[in-house]
Amino acid sequence: MTAVPLAGAAATAIFGGSSAQRAHKIALCSCLASLVLAILLRLRFDETSAGIQLTERAVWIPSLGIEYLLGVDGLSIMLLLLTAIVTPLALMAPSRIQERHSAFYSLALFLQAALFGAFTALNFFHWFIFWELSLIPAFFLIKLWGGQARGRAALQFFLYTLAGSVCMLLAFLAIFHATGTFDFERLAEMGRSGYLKSALAARLGWYSLSSGELAAVIFLGVLIGFAVKVPLMPLHTWLPPAYTEAPVGVTILLTALMSKLGVYGVARIVLPIFSWQISQLLTPLLWVAAITSVAAACAAFAQRDIKRMLAYSSINHLGYCMLGLFAACGTIQGTSALFTERTAILNGVAFLMFSHGITATALFCFVGFLESRTGGLRSIDDFGGLRQIVPVFCGLMGISLMASLGLPGLSGFIGEFLIFKGVFALAPWPAAFAALGLLITAVYVLTLLQKVFHGPLNERWRSMPDLNQQERLLILPVIAIMFLLGLWPALALDIFNANMSFLALELSF
């Protein structure tokens, strides 16, 4: 799966030439091959098993304990499927790319390969290579094909994420110096047993810090790297300009896929290894996540640019995921209740990650449809009454907005419900505060619907065409997934429930 998009990127660059159509076809063929492989992987996956499956292991650098080690669990499978589904949609999304089409599609495929690698690697050295490789194509996709302020947005994106990566790298080098391994599963065992904390104190003894304080410092270094990528406030300021200035297809890749790397890293790496440290810093972490959700919703409400509004909406939704992951390390009276609520939270986080990727893809596609019809305009004040002339467009975008809002019957509801069900039991006050974000989300979504679709028609758009057949074929599968998961959530929950239940059981200290 990692090699196919790399081969597709090379083929697109070599054979695409100056023909945008040929480059597009080659890139889509590569995406189709990746999607077939992802489906085959899902069919081979045993959803009743909680362990890592389909592993590939080879000695790489034995002197440093570095292995070529790949494997998947339920969460990995869902994100691989999400990546395989979203990437071709991003390449087919309306775009104002006018030049260097072969380079654009090649970089997008390179980004897909990096995501596949990051979602399957189980050794930090191997994983970190793909984590960093994802920055390179994303930077150039913004820098070369973005809007007027693309240079500043790309640089800000690169510097923020690079700074977070440096913090994470230094923390893991300290961990390796103390333990001699980069293997995620072995490190998780050391974290649960308490050996990691004592090894850090014995091998490092940094500035006379106690073992708990030293472990907390290392934990914060790792967390910062992921918090930038999600992002958590106040490390979020790179995101709105990056999403706003990037072409629509690139924005889809950033919000639907790259942002999930941060949440995935916390679920895959931080929770198993540093659950004790999270429990010690639980209150401030919970409030950071809750404030991120509510403040992002308030910021979205304040925006007039629809694309920027949806950018802040992404921060809001991923803040719920982080709130859930932190709350899963909390405690309540009653072992069985604790396990049940943790399992609900972790299932909700995994479900919301996938659902948000799908709904964000649809919503930014609709922004692209608007831009292509209006010469780049996308302020809610530029429109009005569009329902009268483009009813299909308004109806389908309305469904997508309702899914993002969390309307029952659509995919967004399931994840949010499970997260808040568990978080209210484990951390009621942060949960109650974060729930304000749900109310504010309803306000700005309904404001968007009212301003753009209803009211008197702006006569400037009297001749605006509705969605054509190609656009409908692009967006209808995404809408179908929203309904399918909203009405049949077990289709996704069955894939990762065993893994999330096992992780909930392990989060005991």
Protein backbone atom coordinates (compact mmCIF):
# COMPACT_ATOMS: atom_id res chain seq x y z
CA MET A 1 0.00 0.00 0.00
CA THR A 2 2.90 2.35 0.71
CA ALA A 3 4.67 1.53 -2.53
CA VAL A 4 1.69 1.88 -4.86
CA PRO A 5 1.14 5.65 -4.42
CA LEU A 6 4.92 6.19 -4.61
CA ALA A 7 4.94 4.35 -7.93
CA GLY A 8 1.89 6.35 -8.99
CA ALA A 9 3.63 9.60 -8.07
CA ALA A 10 6.67 8.63 -10.16
CA ALA A 11 4.48 7.56 -13.09
CA THR A 12 2.49 10.79 -12.92
CA ALA A 13 5.65 12.89 -12.90
CA ILE A 14 7.27 10.95 -15.76
CA PHE A 15 4.34 10.26 -18.06
CA GLY A 16 1.95 13.07 -17.13
CA GLY A 17 4.02 15.67 -18.91
CA SER A 18 2.18 18.86 -19.71
CA SER A 19 -1.17 17.12 -20.13
CA ALA A 20 -3.37 17.80 -17.12
CA GLN A 21 -5.88 15.17 -18.20
CA ARG A 22 -3.28 12.43 -18.58
CA ALA A 23 -1.66 13.24 -15.24
CA HIS A 24 -5.08 13.20 -13.57
CA LYS A 25 -5.94 9.79 -15.02
CA ILE A 26 -2.65 8.24 -13.92
CA ALA A 27 -3.06 9.62 -10.41
CA LEU A 28 -6.64 8.33 -10.16
CA CYS A 29 -5.56 4.87 -11.35
CA SER A 30 -2.99 4.80 -8.56
CA CYS A 31 -5.66 5.86 -6.05
CA LEU A 32 -7.99 3.12 -7.31
CA ALA A 33 -5.25 0.52 -6.82
CA SER A 34 -4.66 1.78 -3.28
CA LEU A 35 -8.39 1.61 -2.54
CA VAL A 36 -8.53 -2.00 -3.76
CA LEU A 37 -5.59 -2.88 -1.50
CA ALA A 38 -7.24 -1.18 1.47
CA ILE A 39 -10.45 -3.16 0.90
CA LEU A 40 -8.48 -6.40 0.59
CA LEU A 41 -6.68 -5.56 3.83
CA ARG A 42 -10.04 -5.01 5.53
CA LEU A 43 -11.30 -8.37 4.26
CA ARG A 44 -8.24 -10.14 5.68
CA PHE A 45 -8.54 -8.37 9.02
CA ASP A 46 -9.99 -10.35 11.94
CA GLU A 47 -12.21 -7.86 13.75
CA THR A 48 -12.65 -10.18 16.76
CA SER A 49 -8.95 -10.03 17.60
CA ALA A 50 -7.62 -7.15 19.70
CA GLY A 51 -3.96 -7.52 18.81
CA ILE A 52 -1.82 -6.20 15.98
CA GLN A 53 -2.41 -8.22 12.82
CA LEU A 54 -0.82 -8.80 9.41
CA THR A 55 2.59 -7.83 10.75
CA GLU A 56 5.73 -7.51 8.66
CA ARG A 57 9.04 -7.57 10.52
CA ALA A 58 12.61 -7.35 9.26
CA VAL A 59 15.90 -6.37 10.86
CA TRP A 60 16.91 -2.89 9.76
CA ILE A 61 19.54 -1.34 12.05
CA PRO A 62 20.09 -3.93 14.79
CA SER A 63 22.71 -1.92 16.64
CA LEU A 64 20.06 0.73 17.39
CA GLY A 65 17.17 -1.67 17.89
CA ILE A 66 15.50 -0.38 14.72
CA GLU A 67 13.27 -2.77 12.78
CA TYR A 68 11.14 -2.55 9.70
CA LEU A 69 7.95 -3.34 11.60
CA LEU A 70 4.47 -2.89 10.22
CA GLY A 71 1.07 -4.01 11.41
CA VAL A 72 -2.53 -2.92 11.76
CA ASP A 73 -5.32 -2.97 14.29
CA GLY A 74 -8.91 -1.78 13.98
CA LEU A 75 -8.03 1.91 14.28
CA SER A 76 -5.32 1.58 11.64
CA ILE A 77 -7.71 -0.18 9.27
CA MET A 78 -10.27 2.61 9.56
CA LEU A 79 -7.70 5.30 8.87
CA LEU A 80 -6.21 3.38 5.95
CA LEU A 81 -9.70 3.08 4.48
CA LEU A 82 -10.32 6.77 5.11
CA THR A 83 -7.05 7.69 3.36
CA ALA A 84 -7.83 5.44 0.40
CA ILE A 85 -11.35 6.92 0.06
CA VAL A 86 -10.53 10.59 0.58
CA THR A 87 -7.41 10.93 -1.60
CA PRO A 88 -9.13 10.30 -4.96
CA LEU A 89 -11.99 12.57 -3.89
CA ALA A 90 -9.48 15.29 -3.10
CA LEU A 91 -7.89 14.88 -6.53
CA MET A 92 -11.31 15.13 -8.18
CA ALA A 93 -12.46 18.08 -6.07
CA PRO A 94 -12.98 21.36 -7.94
CA SER A 95 -9.66 23.06 -8.24
CA ARG A 96 -8.29 26.27 -9.69
CA ILE A 97 -4.92 24.68 -10.49
CA GLN A 98 -3.72 26.21 -13.74
CA GLU A 99 -0.16 24.89 -14.09
CA ARG A 100 2.24 22.08 -13.18
CA HIS A 101 -0.56 19.53 -12.92
CA SER A 102 1.80 16.54 -12.98
CA ALA A 103 3.77 17.91 -10.02
CA PHE A 104 0.55 18.63 -8.11
CA TYR A 105 -0.80 15.09 -8.48
CA SER A 106 2.61 13.54 -7.79
CA LEU A 107 2.94 15.43 -4.51
CA ALA A 108 -0.60 14.44 -3.49
CA LEU A 109 0.23 10.77 -4.07
CA PHE A 110 3.50 11.18 -2.18
CA LEU A 111 1.47 12.52 0.75
CA GLN A 112 -0.85 9.51 0.53
CA ALA A 113 2.14 7.15 0.73
CA ALA A 114 3.44 8.97 3.81
CA LEU A 115 0.04 8.63 5.48
CA PHE A 116 -0.15 4.91 4.70
CA GLY A 117 3.31 4.48 6.20
CA ALA A 118 2.51 6.45 9.36
CA PHE A 119 -0.72 4.51 9.97
CA THR A 120 1.04 1.12 9.78
CA ALA A 121 4.54 1.62 11.28
CA LEU A 122 5.09 0.16 14.76
CA ASN A 123 8.70 1.26 15.33
CA PHE A 124 9.30 4.91 16.18
CA PHE A 125 12.24 5.38 13.80
CA HIS A 126 10.26 3.96 10.89
CA TRP A 127 7.11 5.82 11.91
CA PHE A 128 8.91 9.14 12.35
CA ILE A 129 10.29 8.98 8.80
CA PHE A 130 6.76 8.86 7.39
CA TRP A 131 5.55 11.46 9.89
CA GLU A 132 8.18 13.90 8.61
CA LEU A 133 7.76 12.93 4.96
CA SER A 134 4.12 14.01 5.12
CA LEU A 135 5.28 17.60 5.80
CA ILE A 136 7.22 17.94 2.55
CA PRO A 137 4.43 17.45 -0.02
CA ALA A 138 1.94 19.35 2.15
CA PHE A 139 4.30 22.35 2.33
CA PHE A 140 4.81 22.48 -1.43
CA LEU A 141 1.14 21.88 -2.22
CA ILE A 142 0.28 24.99 -0.21
CA LYS A 143 3.30 27.03 -1.28
CA LEU A 144 3.05 26.43 -5.05
CA TRP A 145 -0.71 26.28 -5.65
CA GLY A 146 -2.28 28.21 -2.77
CA GLY A 147 -3.92 31.63 -2.66
CA GLN A 148 -2.39 35.07 -2.46
CA ALA A 149 -1.02 34.61 1.07
CA ARG A 150 0.21 31.07 0.39
CA GLY A 151 3.87 31.79 1.17
CA ARG A 152 3.22 32.91 4.72
CA ALA A 153 0.65 30.15 5.31
CA ALA A 154 2.99 27.42 4.05
CA LEU A 155 5.92 28.70 6.09
CA GLN A 156 3.82 28.96 9.24
CA PHE A 157 2.50 25.43 8.72
CA PHE A 158 6.00 24.06 8.19
CA LEU A 159 7.62 25.82 11.15
CA TYR A 160 4.89 24.89 13.61
CA THR A 161 4.82 21.23 12.65
CA LEU A 162 8.61 21.02 12.44
CA ALA A 163 8.96 22.52 15.93
CA GLY A 164 6.50 19.97 17.27
CA SER A 165 8.40 17.18 15.54
CA VAL A 166 11.68 18.31 17.09
CA CYS A 167 10.13 18.18 20.58
CA MET A 168 8.84 14.70 19.89
CA LEU A 169 12.15 13.48 18.45
CA LEU A 170 14.14 14.72 21.42
CA ALA A 171 11.70 13.05 23.81
CA PHE A 172 11.93 9.71 22.01
CA LEU A 173 15.71 9.90 21.86
CA ALA A 174 15.64 10.24 25.64
CA ILE A 175 13.31 7.24 25.85
CA PHE A 176 15.61 5.21 23.60
CA HIS A 177 18.63 6.16 25.69
CA ALA A 178 16.80 4.89 28.78
CA THR A 179 15.22 1.75 27.33
CA GLY A 180 17.20 0.80 24.22
CA THR A 181 14.12 0.29 22.08
CA PHE A 182 11.92 2.19 19.63
CA ASP A 183 9.24 -0.53 19.51
CA PHE A 184 5.82 0.93 20.38
CA GLU A 185 4.45 -2.29 21.89
CA ARG A 186 7.47 -2.87 24.12
CA LEU A 187 7.39 0.76 25.24
CA ALA A 188 3.69 0.40 26.06
CA GLU A 189 4.47 -2.59 28.27
CA MET A 190 7.23 -0.59 30.00
CA GLY A 191 4.87 2.32 30.52
CA ARG A 192 2.16 0.15 32.07
CA SER A 193 4.58 -1.67 34.36
CA GLY A 194 6.26 1.53 35.58
CA TYR A 195 9.64 0.43 34.22
CA LEU A 196 9.81 3.36 31.79
CA LYS A 197 9.57 5.93 34.56
CA SER A 198 12.28 4.28 36.65
CA ALA A 199 14.51 3.72 33.60
CA LEU A 200 14.33 7.39 32.67
CA ALA A 201 15.34 8.40 36.17
CA ALA A 202 18.15 5.83 36.35
CA ARG A 203 19.66 6.50 32.93
CA LEU A 204 19.12 10.24 32.57
CA GLY A 205 18.91 11.81 36.05
CA TRP A 206 18.27 15.16 34.38
CA TYR A 207 18.70 18.23 36.62
CA SER A 208 17.86 16.20 39.73
CA LEU A 209 14.22 15.84 38.68
CA SER A 210 12.28 13.08 40.37
CA SER A 211 11.31 10.06 38.29
CA GLY A 212 7.73 11.32 37.99
CA GLU A 213 8.77 14.84 37.00
CA LEU A 214 11.24 13.56 34.41
CA ALA A 215 8.65 11.25 32.89
CA ALA A 216 6.20 14.17 32.76
CA VAL A 217 8.73 16.31 30.88
CA ILE A 218 9.32 13.53 28.33
CA PHE A 219 5.56 13.01 28.01
CA LEU A 220 4.95 16.71 27.34
CA GLY A 221 7.64 16.68 24.64
CA VAL A 222 5.84 13.86 22.83
CA LEU A 223 2.41 15.42 23.38
CA ILE A 224 3.45 18.79 21.94
CA GLY A 225 4.36 17.12 18.65
CA PHE A 226 0.87 15.67 18.34
CA ALA A 227 -0.90 18.71 19.78
CA VAL A 228 0.49 20.87 16.97
CA LYS A 229 -0.78 18.47 14.32
CA VAL A 230 -4.32 18.08 15.74
CA PRO A 231 -4.15 21.04 16.71
CA LEU A 232 -4.87 21.98 20.32
CA MET A 233 -5.03 25.64 21.29
CA PRO A 234 -2.85 27.69 21.55
CA LEU A 235 -0.80 25.70 19.00
CA HIS A 236 -3.49 26.09 16.33
CA THR A 237 -2.67 29.42 14.68
CA TRP A 238 -1.05 27.79 11.64
CA LEU A 239 -4.24 25.96 10.68
CA PRO A 240 -6.76 28.66 9.58
CA PRO A 241 -4.38 30.34 7.08
CA ALA A 242 -3.10 26.99 5.80
CA TYR A 243 -6.62 25.64 5.20
CA THR A 244 -7.83 28.92 3.75
CA GLU A 245 -4.96 29.49 1.33
CA ALA A 246 -4.52 25.89 0.17
CA PRO A 247 -6.39 24.67 -2.92
CA VAL A 248 -9.60 22.85 -2.04
CA GLY A 249 -8.16 19.40 -2.73
CA VAL A 250 -5.17 20.11 -0.51
CA THR A 251 -7.40 21.46 2.26
CA ILE A 252 -9.31 18.18 2.13
CA LEU A 253 -6.07 16.21 2.51
CA LEU A 254 -5.01 18.41 5.42
CA THR A 255 -8.23 18.31 7.41
CA ALA A 256 -9.58 14.85 6.57
CA LEU A 257 -6.26 12.98 6.79
CA MET A 258 -3.24 14.86 8.14
CA SER A 259 -5.05 16.18 11.21
CA LYS A 260 -5.92 12.56 12.06
CA LEU A 261 -2.21 11.81 12.38
CA GLY A 262 -2.19 13.86 15.59
CA VAL A 263 -5.19 12.13 17.14
CA TYR A 264 -3.95 8.73 15.95
CA GLY A 265 -0.55 9.39 17.53
CA VAL A 266 -2.15 10.16 20.89
CA ALA A 267 -4.32 7.02 20.72
CA ARG A 268 -1.60 4.72 19.35
CA ILE A 269 1.50 6.05 21.17
CA VAL A 270 0.72 8.44 24.03
CA LEU A 271 -2.13 6.59 25.75
CA PRO A 272 -0.47 3.16 25.91
CA ILE A 273 2.94 4.53 26.96
CA PHE A 274 2.08 7.57 29.09
CA SER A 275 -1.33 6.83 30.62
CA TRP A 276 0.05 7.38 34.13
CA GLN A 277 1.49 10.79 33.18
CA ILE A 278 -1.82 11.80 31.59
CA SER A 279 -3.63 10.86 34.81
CA GLN A 280 -1.26 13.07 36.80
CA LEU A 281 -1.90 16.06 34.53
CA LEU A 282 -5.49 15.14 33.77
CA THR A 283 -7.26 18.30 34.89
CA PRO A 284 -5.24 20.82 32.83
CA LEU A 285 -5.26 18.50 29.80
CA LEU A 286 -9.04 18.10 29.96
CA TRP A 287 -9.58 21.84 30.20
CA VAL A 288 -7.18 22.54 27.31
CA ALA A 289 -9.18 20.15 25.12
CA ALA A 290 -12.53 21.55 26.31
CA ILE A 291 -11.42 25.15 25.75
CA THR A 292 -10.11 24.19 22.30
CA SER A 293 -13.53 22.84 21.34
CA VAL A 294 -15.53 25.80 22.59
CA ALA A 295 -13.11 28.54 21.47
CA ALA A 296 -12.84 27.00 17.99
CA ALA A 297 -16.64 26.93 17.71
CA CYS A 298 -16.78 30.59 18.77
CA ALA A 299 -14.09 31.46 16.22
CA ALA A 300 -16.03 29.61 13.52
CA PHE A 301 -19.14 31.61 14.38
CA ALA A 302 -17.18 34.86 14.00
CA GLN A 303 -15.97 34.05 10.47
CA ARG A 304 -17.51 35.39 7.27
CA ASP A 305 -15.30 33.31 4.95
CA ILE A 306 -16.97 29.89 4.64
CA LYS A 307 -13.67 28.09 4.14
CA ARG A 308 -12.16 29.66 7.23
CA MET A 309 -15.33 28.88 9.18
CA LEU A 310 -14.99 25.20 8.28
CA ALA A 311 -11.30 25.30 9.23
CA TYR A 312 -12.19 26.33 12.78
CA SER A 313 -14.99 23.76 12.75
CA SER A 314 -12.35 21.06 12.22
CA ILE A 315 -10.47 22.22 15.32
CA ASN A 316 -13.74 22.08 17.24
CA HIS A 317 -14.46 18.46 16.27
CA LEU A 318 -10.93 17.21 16.87
CA GLY A 319 -10.99 18.94 20.25
CA TYR A 320 -13.78 16.51 21.20
CA CYS A 321 -11.52 13.62 20.19
CA MET A 322 -8.70 14.90 22.38
CA LEU A 323 -11.10 15.51 25.27
CA GLY A 324 -12.19 11.88 25.00
CA LEU A 325 -8.67 10.49 24.86
CA PHE A 326 -7.59 12.45 27.93
CA ALA A 327 -10.77 11.59 29.84
CA ALA A 328 -10.19 7.88 29.16
CA CYS A 329 -7.29 8.08 31.65
CA GLY A 330 -9.59 9.33 34.39
CA THR A 331 -11.10 7.24 37.18
CA ILE A 332 -14.54 6.75 38.70
CA GLN A 333 -15.92 4.50 41.39
CA GLY A 334 -16.78 1.05 40.09
CA THR A 335 -14.49 -1.01 37.89
CA SER A 336 -17.15 -2.24 35.47
CA ALA A 337 -18.55 1.25 34.95
CA LEU A 338 -15.05 2.61 34.39
CA PHE A 339 -14.35 0.03 31.70
CA THR A 340 -17.70 0.66 30.00
CA GLU A 341 -17.26 4.41 29.86
CA ARG A 342 -13.67 4.18 28.65
CA THR A 343 -14.70 1.80 25.89
CA ALA A 344 -17.52 4.12 24.83
CA ILE A 345 -15.12 7.09 24.70
CA LEU A 346 -12.46 5.30 22.69
CA ASN A 347 -15.01 3.89 20.23
CA GLY A 348 -16.47 7.37 19.88
CA VAL A 349 -13.08 8.91 19.16
CA ALA A 350 -12.30 6.35 16.46
CA PHE A 351 -15.76 6.77 14.94
CA LEU A 352 -15.60 10.58 14.99
CA MET A 353 -12.17 10.57 13.34
CA PHE A 354 -13.56 8.66 10.37
CA SER A 355 -16.85 10.56 10.28
CA HIS A 356 -15.16 13.95 10.43
CA GLY A 357 -12.87 12.95 7.57
CA ILE A 358 -15.89 12.14 5.41
CA THR A 359 -17.99 15.19 6.30
CA ALA A 360 -15.04 17.59 6.00
CA THR A 361 -14.30 16.18 2.54
CA ALA A 362 -17.87 16.86 1.44
CA LEU A 363 -18.04 20.36 2.93
CA PHE A 364 -14.80 21.57 1.39
CA CYS A 365 -15.89 20.08 -1.94
CA PHE A 366 -19.00 22.28 -1.75
CA VAL A 367 -16.79 25.30 -1.03
CA GLY A 368 -14.87 24.38 -4.17
CA PHE A 369 -18.11 24.19 -6.16
CA LEU A 370 -19.01 27.69 -4.97
CA GLU A 371 -15.57 29.08 -5.83
CA SER A 372 -15.66 27.59 -9.31
CA ARG A 373 -19.03 29.24 -9.98
CA THR A 374 -18.27 32.65 -8.47
CA GLY A 375 -14.68 33.31 -9.44
CA GLY A 376 -13.35 32.55 -5.98
CA LEU A 377 -15.96 34.26 -3.76
CA ARG A 378 -16.85 32.37 -0.59
CA SER A 379 -18.08 34.87 2.01
CA ILE A 380 -21.51 34.17 3.48
CA ASP A 381 -22.32 37.83 2.77
CA ASP A 382 -21.80 37.27 -0.97
CA PHE A 383 -24.81 34.98 -1.29
CA GLY A 384 -28.44 34.57 -0.34
CA GLY A 385 -31.44 32.63 -1.61
CA LEU A 386 -29.38 30.02 -3.46
CA ARG A 387 -31.95 27.35 -2.63
CA GLN A 388 -34.21 28.86 -5.27
CA ILE A 389 -31.78 28.30 -8.13
CA VAL A 390 -29.45 25.43 -7.04
CA PRO A 391 -31.68 23.16 -4.92
CA VAL A 392 -29.58 20.01 -5.34
CA PHE A 393 -26.43 21.83 -4.27
CA CYS A 394 -28.17 23.32 -1.23
CA GLY A 395 -29.85 20.06 -0.27
CA LEU A 396 -26.67 17.98 -0.36
CA MET A 397 -24.57 20.62 1.38
CA GLY A 398 -27.32 20.94 3.99
CA ILE A 399 -27.06 17.19 4.68
CA SER A 400 -23.29 17.50 5.07
CA LEU A 401 -23.67 20.43 7.47
CA MET A 402 -26.20 18.47 9.51
CA ALA A 403 -23.79 15.52 9.67
CA SER A 404 -21.08 17.87 10.90
CA LEU A 405 -23.53 19.28 13.43
CA GLY A 406 -24.22 15.77 14.78
CA LEU A 407 -27.82 15.29 13.68
CA PRO A 408 -29.13 11.81 14.66
CA GLY A 409 -29.34 9.52 11.66
CA LEU A 410 -26.09 10.84 10.20
CA SER A 411 -22.55 9.71 10.94
CA GLY A 412 -21.48 12.70 13.04
CA PHE A 413 -23.96 11.91 15.81
CA ILE A 414 -22.57 8.49 16.75
CA GLY A 415 -19.03 9.57 17.58
CA GLU A 416 -20.03 12.68 19.50
CA PHE A 417 -22.69 10.79 21.48
CA LEU A 418 -20.26 8.04 22.55
CA ILE A 419 -17.57 10.55 23.51
CA PHE A 420 -19.85 12.68 25.65
CA LYS A 421 -21.55 9.63 27.16
CA GLY A 422 -18.23 8.51 28.58
CA VAL A 423 -16.69 11.89 29.33
CA PHE A 424 -19.68 13.05 31.39
CA ALA A 425 -19.17 10.03 33.67
CA LEU A 426 -15.40 10.49 33.99
CA ALA A 427 -15.00 14.29 33.86
CA PRO A 428 -18.40 15.99 34.19
CA TRP A 429 -17.30 19.64 34.45
CA PRO A 430 -15.00 19.72 31.38
CA ALA A 431 -17.66 17.73 29.51
CA ALA A 432 -20.37 20.22 30.44
CA PHE A 433 -18.20 23.10 29.30
CA ALA A 434 -17.23 21.36 26.05
CA ALA A 435 -20.92 20.69 25.34
CA LEU A 436 -21.28 24.44 24.80
CA GLY A 437 -19.34 23.84 21.61
CA LEU A 438 -22.20 21.67 20.35
CA LEU A 439 -24.64 24.55 20.91
CA ILE A 440 -22.38 27.11 19.23
CA THR A 441 -21.83 24.72 16.32
CA ALA A 442 -25.59 24.59 15.80
CA VAL A 443 -25.69 28.40 15.79
CA TYR A 444 -23.01 28.92 13.13
CA VAL A 445 -24.24 26.03 10.96
CA LEU A 446 -27.78 27.40 10.96
CA THR A 447 -26.43 30.91 10.34
CA LEU A 448 -24.55 29.61 7.31
CA LEU A 449 -27.66 27.87 6.02
CA GLN A 450 -29.78 30.99 6.51
CA LYS A 451 -27.31 33.46 4.99
CA VAL A 452 -26.33 31.39 1.95
CA PHE A 453 -29.38 29.29 1.07
CA HIS A 454 -32.39 31.25 2.30
CA GLY A 455 -33.70 34.78 2.28
CA PRO A 456 -33.98 36.95 -0.84
CA LEU A 457 -31.97 35.83 -3.84
CA ASN A 458 -28.85 37.79 -4.68
CA GLU A 459 -29.65 38.58 -8.33
CA ARG A 460 -25.96 38.41 -9.16
CA TRP A 461 -26.24 34.61 -9.05
CA ARG A 462 -29.52 34.25 -10.94
CA SER A 463 -27.84 32.15 -13.64
CA MET A 464 -25.70 29.99 -11.33
CA PRO A 465 -25.85 26.36 -12.53
CA ASP A 466 -26.77 23.54 -10.18
CA LEU A 467 -24.51 20.53 -9.65
CA ASN A 468 -23.76 18.76 -12.91
CA GLN A 469 -23.64 14.99 -13.33
CA GLN A 470 -19.91 14.72 -12.65
CA GLU A 471 -20.19 16.76 -9.46
CA ARG A 472 -23.11 14.68 -8.25
CA LEU A 473 -21.21 11.46 -8.88
CA LEU A 474 -18.33 12.88 -6.84
CA ILE A 475 -20.38 13.90 -3.83
CA LEU A 476 -23.12 11.25 -3.64
CA PRO A 477 -20.86 8.40 -2.40
CA VAL A 478 -19.73 10.63 0.48
CA ILE A 479 -23.34 11.48 1.35
CA ALA A 480 -24.17 7.76 1.21
CA ILE A 481 -21.42 6.99 3.73
CA MET A 482 -22.84 9.63 6.11
CA PHE A 483 -26.26 7.94 6.03
CA LEU A 484 -24.86 4.41 6.08
CA LEU A 485 -22.75 4.97 9.19
CA GLY A 486 -25.46 7.05 10.85
CA LEU A 487 -28.05 4.30 10.45
CA TRP A 488 -25.73 1.29 10.69
CA PRO A 489 -22.85 2.34 12.98
CA ALA A 490 -21.88 -1.26 13.70
CA LEU A 491 -20.41 -1.36 10.20
CA ALA A 492 -17.52 0.71 11.55
CA LEU A 493 -17.73 -0.05 15.27
CA ASP A 494 -17.25 -3.77 14.70
CA ILE A 495 -13.87 -3.09 13.08
CA PHE A 496 -12.24 -1.34 16.01
CA ASN A 497 -14.38 -2.24 19.04
CA ALA A 498 -12.14 -5.16 20.08
CA ASN A 499 -9.05 -2.94 19.96
CA MET A 500 -10.70 -0.09 21.83
CA SER A 501 -12.00 -2.48 24.50
CA PHE A 502 -8.50 -3.91 24.94
CA LEU A 503 -7.01 -0.41 25.22
CA ALA A 504 -9.68 0.56 27.78
CA LEU A 505 -8.76 -2.50 29.81
CA GLU A 506 -5.07 -1.60 29.71
CA LEU A 507 -5.61 1.97 30.93
CA SER A 508 -5.42 0.98 34.58
CA PHE A 509 -2.72 2.11 36.94
